Amino acid sequence: MHCIKPRCIEACTQGAITKRAEDGIVTVDTARCNSCRACFEACPIHAPQFQQDGTMRKCDMCLERVENGQEPFCITACPTRALHWGTLGQFSA
């Protein structure tokens, strides 16, 4: 989940979670995460997940693929084409 106003960013005391202005992708700097789980508690859908070392991770929309002009894997792998990638404004209702 990549919220418009992510509560996890506000809750993170280490500044480990940021949102990219250019595309809205919420990213996590695991080196800054102190494993406090405040992000998890703040998130209404509990999107943050924790690795075995305790640091938080979440979907980053396959950032490396996006930066290379490709779609995230979940989009290309969906057999029914039910998933779409982009800003809300580019999809019509």
N, C-alpha and C. Protein backbone atom coordinates (compact mmCIF):
# COMPACT_ATOMS: atom_id res chain seq x y z
N MET A 1 0.85 -1.16 0.00
CA MET A 1 0.00 0.00 0.00
C MET A 1 0.89 1.23 0.00
N HIS A 2 0.54 2.19 -0.80
CA HIS A 2 1.29 3.44 -0.91
C HIS A 2 0.28 4.57 -0.75
N CYS A 3 0.01 4.91 0.50
CA CYS A 3 -1.04 5.85 0.86
C CYS A 3 -0.72 7.29 0.44
N ILE A 4 -1.75 8.08 0.30
CA ILE A 4 -1.58 9.50 -0.02
C ILE A 4 -0.89 10.19 1.16
N LYS A 5 -1.37 9.93 2.36
CA LYS A 5 -0.77 10.47 3.58
C LYS A 5 -0.45 9.32 4.51
N PRO A 6 0.68 8.65 4.30
CA PRO A 6 1.02 7.46 5.08
C PRO A 6 1.22 7.76 6.57
N ARG A 7 0.44 7.12 7.40
CA ARG A 7 0.58 7.28 8.85
C ARG A 7 1.90 6.70 9.35
N CYS A 8 2.43 5.73 8.64
CA CYS A 8 3.68 5.11 9.06
C CYS A 8 4.84 6.11 9.03
N ILE A 9 4.82 7.03 8.10
CA ILE A 9 5.89 8.03 8.02
C ILE A 9 5.89 8.90 9.28
N GLU A 10 4.72 9.36 9.66
CA GLU A 10 4.60 10.20 10.86
C GLU A 10 4.98 9.43 12.12
N ALA A 11 4.68 8.14 12.15
CA ALA A 11 4.93 7.33 13.34
C ALA A 11 6.39 6.93 13.49
N CYS A 12 7.15 6.92 12.40
CA CYS A 12 8.53 6.45 12.45
C CYS A 12 9.43 7.48 13.13
N THR A 13 9.94 7.13 14.29
CA THR A 13 10.79 8.05 15.06
C THR A 13 12.19 8.16 14.50
N GLN A 14 12.58 7.25 13.61
CA GLN A 14 13.92 7.23 13.04
C GLN A 14 14.01 7.88 11.66
N GLY A 15 12.87 8.28 11.11
CA GLY A 15 12.88 8.85 9.77
C GLY A 15 13.27 7.84 8.71
N ALA A 16 12.97 6.58 8.96
CA ALA A 16 13.35 5.51 8.04
C ALA A 16 12.38 5.36 6.88
N ILE A 17 11.19 5.93 6.99
CA ILE A 17 10.17 5.77 5.96
C ILE A 17 9.97 7.11 5.27
N THR A 18 10.01 7.08 3.94
CA THR A 18 9.81 8.30 3.16
C THR A 18 8.89 8.00 1.99
N LYS A 19 8.40 9.06 1.38
CA LYS A 19 7.53 8.93 0.21
C LYS A 19 8.15 9.73 -0.93
N ARG A 20 8.34 9.09 -2.04
CA ARG A 20 8.93 9.75 -3.20
C ARG A 20 7.93 10.72 -3.82
N ALA A 21 8.33 11.96 -3.99
CA ALA A 21 7.44 12.99 -4.54
C ALA A 21 7.07 12.70 -5.99
N GLU A 22 7.98 12.13 -6.75
CA GLU A 22 7.74 11.95 -8.18
C GLU A 22 6.71 10.89 -8.53
N ASP A 23 6.52 9.89 -7.64
CA ASP A 23 5.57 8.83 -7.98
C ASP A 23 4.77 8.31 -6.79
N GLY A 24 5.03 8.81 -5.59
CA GLY A 24 4.26 8.40 -4.41
C GLY A 24 4.66 7.09 -3.79
N ILE A 25 5.74 6.48 -4.28
CA ILE A 25 6.18 5.21 -3.73
C ILE A 25 6.75 5.45 -2.33
N VAL A 26 6.25 4.67 -1.37
CA VAL A 26 6.72 4.76 0.01
C VAL A 26 7.89 3.79 0.16
N THR A 27 9.03 4.32 0.61
CA THR A 27 10.24 3.50 0.73
C THR A 27 10.69 3.42 2.18
N VAL A 28 11.49 2.39 2.47
CA VAL A 28 12.00 2.17 3.82
C VAL A 28 13.51 2.03 3.77
N ASP A 29 14.19 2.79 4.61
CA ASP A 29 15.63 2.66 4.77
C ASP A 29 15.84 1.72 5.96
N THR A 30 16.05 0.44 5.68
CA THR A 30 16.14 -0.55 6.75
C THR A 30 17.33 -0.30 7.68
N ALA A 31 18.35 0.40 7.19
CA ALA A 31 19.50 0.71 8.04
C ALA A 31 19.14 1.69 9.15
N ARG A 32 18.08 2.47 8.94
CA ARG A 32 17.65 3.43 9.96
C ARG A 32 16.56 2.89 10.87
N CYS A 33 15.93 1.78 10.50
CA CYS A 33 14.84 1.20 11.29
C CYS A 33 15.38 0.64 12.61
N ASN A 34 14.71 1.00 13.71
CA ASN A 34 15.13 0.50 15.02
C ASN A 34 14.19 -0.60 15.54
N SER A 35 13.33 -1.11 14.69
CA SER A 35 12.43 -2.23 15.00
C SER A 35 11.41 -1.92 16.09
N CYS A 36 11.03 -0.65 16.25
CA CYS A 36 10.09 -0.29 17.32
C CYS A 36 8.65 -0.68 17.01
N ARG A 37 8.34 -0.90 15.75
CA ARG A 37 7.01 -1.30 15.27
C ARG A 37 5.94 -0.20 15.39
N ALA A 38 6.35 1.03 15.60
CA ALA A 38 5.40 2.14 15.66
C ALA A 38 4.68 2.31 14.32
N CYS A 39 5.39 2.03 13.23
CA CYS A 39 4.79 2.14 11.89
C CYS A 39 3.65 1.13 11.74
N PHE A 40 3.86 -0.08 12.22
CA PHE A 40 2.85 -1.13 12.14
C PHE A 40 1.61 -0.73 12.93
N GLU A 41 1.82 -0.21 14.13
CA GLU A 41 0.69 0.20 14.98
C GLU A 41 -0.07 1.38 14.38
N ALA A 42 0.63 2.26 13.67
CA ALA A 42 -0.01 3.45 13.08
C ALA A 42 -0.77 3.12 11.80
N CYS A 43 -0.38 2.07 11.13
CA CYS A 43 -0.98 1.73 9.84
C CYS A 43 -2.34 1.07 10.03
N PRO A 44 -3.41 1.63 9.45
CA PRO A 44 -4.74 1.04 9.64
C PRO A 44 -4.90 -0.33 8.99
N ILE A 45 -4.05 -0.67 8.02
CA ILE A 45 -4.15 -1.98 7.37
C ILE A 45 -2.95 -2.86 7.69
N HIS A 46 -2.09 -2.40 8.58
CA HIS A 46 -0.90 -3.15 9.01
C HIS A 46 -0.05 -3.64 7.84
N ALA A 47 0.21 -2.72 6.89
CA ALA A 47 1.02 -3.06 5.72
C ALA A 47 2.49 -3.33 6.06
N PRO A 48 3.10 -2.62 7.03
CA PRO A 48 4.50 -2.92 7.34
C PRO A 48 4.66 -4.36 7.84
N GLN A 49 5.66 -5.02 7.32
CA GLN A 49 6.00 -6.38 7.74
C GLN A 49 7.42 -6.35 8.29
N PHE A 50 7.78 -7.33 9.06
CA PHE A 50 9.09 -7.31 9.71
C PHE A 50 9.91 -8.53 9.33
N GLN A 51 11.18 -8.26 9.02
CA GLN A 51 12.13 -9.31 8.65
C GLN A 51 12.58 -10.06 9.90
N GLN A 52 13.31 -11.13 9.72
CA GLN A 52 13.78 -11.91 10.86
C GLN A 52 14.67 -11.09 11.78
N ASP A 53 15.38 -10.10 11.25
CA ASP A 53 16.23 -9.27 12.10
C ASP A 53 15.44 -8.17 12.81
N GLY A 54 14.13 -8.13 12.58
CA GLY A 54 13.27 -7.17 13.25
C GLY A 54 13.01 -5.90 12.48
N THR A 55 13.75 -5.64 11.41
CA THR A 55 13.55 -4.40 10.66
C THR A 55 12.33 -4.49 9.77
N MET A 56 11.71 -3.35 9.56
CA MET A 56 10.50 -3.27 8.77
C MET A 56 10.81 -3.30 7.29
N ARG A 57 9.91 -3.91 6.56
CA ARG A 57 9.96 -3.85 5.11
C ARG A 57 8.54 -3.82 4.60
N LYS A 58 8.36 -3.34 3.40
CA LYS A 58 7.05 -3.33 2.77
C LYS A 58 7.25 -3.30 1.26
N CYS A 59 6.22 -3.49 0.54
CA CYS A 59 6.28 -3.43 -0.91
C CYS A 59 6.86 -2.08 -1.32
N ASP A 60 7.82 -2.10 -2.24
CA ASP A 60 8.37 -0.84 -2.76
C ASP A 60 8.03 -0.69 -4.24
N MET A 61 7.00 -1.38 -4.67
CA MET A 61 6.53 -1.35 -6.06
C MET A 61 7.62 -1.79 -7.03
N CYS A 62 8.49 -2.70 -6.57
CA CYS A 62 9.61 -3.16 -7.41
C CYS A 62 10.36 -1.94 -7.96
N LEU A 63 10.79 -1.11 -7.03
CA LEU A 63 11.39 0.18 -7.35
C LEU A 63 12.47 0.10 -8.43
N GLU A 64 13.32 -0.91 -8.37
CA GLU A 64 14.36 -1.04 -9.39
C GLU A 64 13.75 -1.21 -10.78
N ARG A 65 12.68 -1.97 -10.88
CA ARG A 65 12.01 -2.15 -12.17
C ARG A 65 11.37 -0.83 -12.62
N VAL A 66 10.69 -0.15 -11.72
CA VAL A 66 10.02 1.11 -12.06
C VAL A 66 11.05 2.12 -12.56
N GLU A 67 12.19 2.21 -11.87
CA GLU A 67 13.23 3.15 -12.28
C GLU A 67 13.84 2.80 -13.63
N ASN A 68 13.66 1.56 -14.09
CA ASN A 68 14.14 1.14 -15.40
C ASN A 68 13.02 1.11 -16.44
N GLY A 69 11.89 1.77 -16.12
CA GLY A 69 10.79 1.88 -17.07
C GLY A 69 9.91 0.65 -17.18
N GLN A 70 10.05 -0.29 -16.24
CA GLN A 70 9.24 -1.50 -16.26
C GLN A 70 8.14 -1.41 -15.21
N GLU A 71 7.12 -2.22 -15.38
CA GLU A 71 6.05 -2.29 -14.38
C GLU A 71 6.48 -3.20 -13.24
N PRO A 72 5.88 -3.00 -12.05
CA PRO A 72 6.14 -3.93 -10.93
C PRO A 72 5.72 -5.35 -11.31
N PHE A 73 6.37 -6.34 -10.70
CA PHE A 73 6.09 -7.75 -11.00
C PHE A 73 4.62 -8.10 -10.79
N CYS A 74 3.99 -7.57 -9.75
CA CYS A 74 2.59 -7.94 -9.49
C CYS A 74 1.69 -7.55 -10.67
N ILE A 75 2.02 -6.47 -11.34
CA ILE A 75 1.22 -6.02 -12.49
C ILE A 75 1.41 -6.97 -13.67
N THR A 76 2.67 -7.28 -13.97
CA THR A 76 2.93 -8.15 -15.12
C THR A 76 2.53 -9.60 -14.86
N ALA A 77 2.50 -10.02 -13.61
CA ALA A 77 2.18 -11.41 -13.29
C ALA A 77 0.69 -11.68 -13.13
N CYS A 78 -0.12 -10.66 -13.02
CA CYS A 78 -1.56 -10.85 -12.79
C CYS A 78 -2.20 -11.44 -14.05
N PRO A 79 -2.69 -12.69 -13.97
CA PRO A 79 -3.22 -13.35 -15.17
C PRO A 79 -4.51 -12.72 -15.70
N THR A 80 -5.25 -12.03 -14.85
CA THR A 80 -6.52 -11.44 -15.32
C THR A 80 -6.39 -9.95 -15.63
N ARG A 81 -5.19 -9.41 -15.47
CA ARG A 81 -4.94 -7.99 -15.71
C ARG A 81 -5.82 -7.09 -14.83
N ALA A 82 -6.08 -7.55 -13.62
CA ALA A 82 -6.92 -6.80 -12.68
C ALA A 82 -6.15 -5.69 -11.98
N LEU A 83 -4.81 -5.76 -12.02
CA LEU A 83 -3.98 -4.75 -11.36
C LEU A 83 -3.45 -3.75 -12.38
N HIS A 84 -3.33 -2.50 -11.95
CA HIS A 84 -2.83 -1.44 -12.82
C HIS A 84 -1.80 -0.63 -12.06
N TRP A 85 -0.86 -0.04 -12.79
CA TRP A 85 0.22 0.75 -12.19
C TRP A 85 0.15 2.15 -12.76
N GLY A 86 0.20 3.15 -11.90
CA GLY A 86 0.21 4.55 -12.32
C GLY A 86 -0.50 5.41 -11.32
N THR A 87 -0.70 6.65 -11.67
CA THR A 87 -1.42 7.56 -10.77
C THR A 87 -2.91 7.41 -11.02
N LEU A 88 -3.69 7.72 -10.00
CA LEU A 88 -5.15 7.57 -10.12
C LEU A 88 -5.72 8.39 -11.26
N GLY A 89 -5.16 9.55 -11.52
CA GLY A 89 -5.65 10.44 -12.55
C GLY A 89 -5.57 9.87 -13.96
N GLN A 90 -4.70 8.90 -14.19
CA GLN A 90 -4.54 8.38 -15.54
C GLN A 90 -5.53 7.25 -15.85
N PHE A 91 -6.30 6.80 -14.88
CA PHE A 91 -7.27 5.74 -15.11
C PHE A 91 -8.67 6.32 -15.05
N SER A 92 -9.48 6.01 -16.02
CA SER A 92 -10.86 6.53 -16.02
C SER A 92 -11.77 5.55 -15.28
N ALA A 93 -12.83 6.09 -14.73
CA ALA A 93 -13.77 5.27 -13.96
C ALA A 93 -14.71 4.51 -14.84
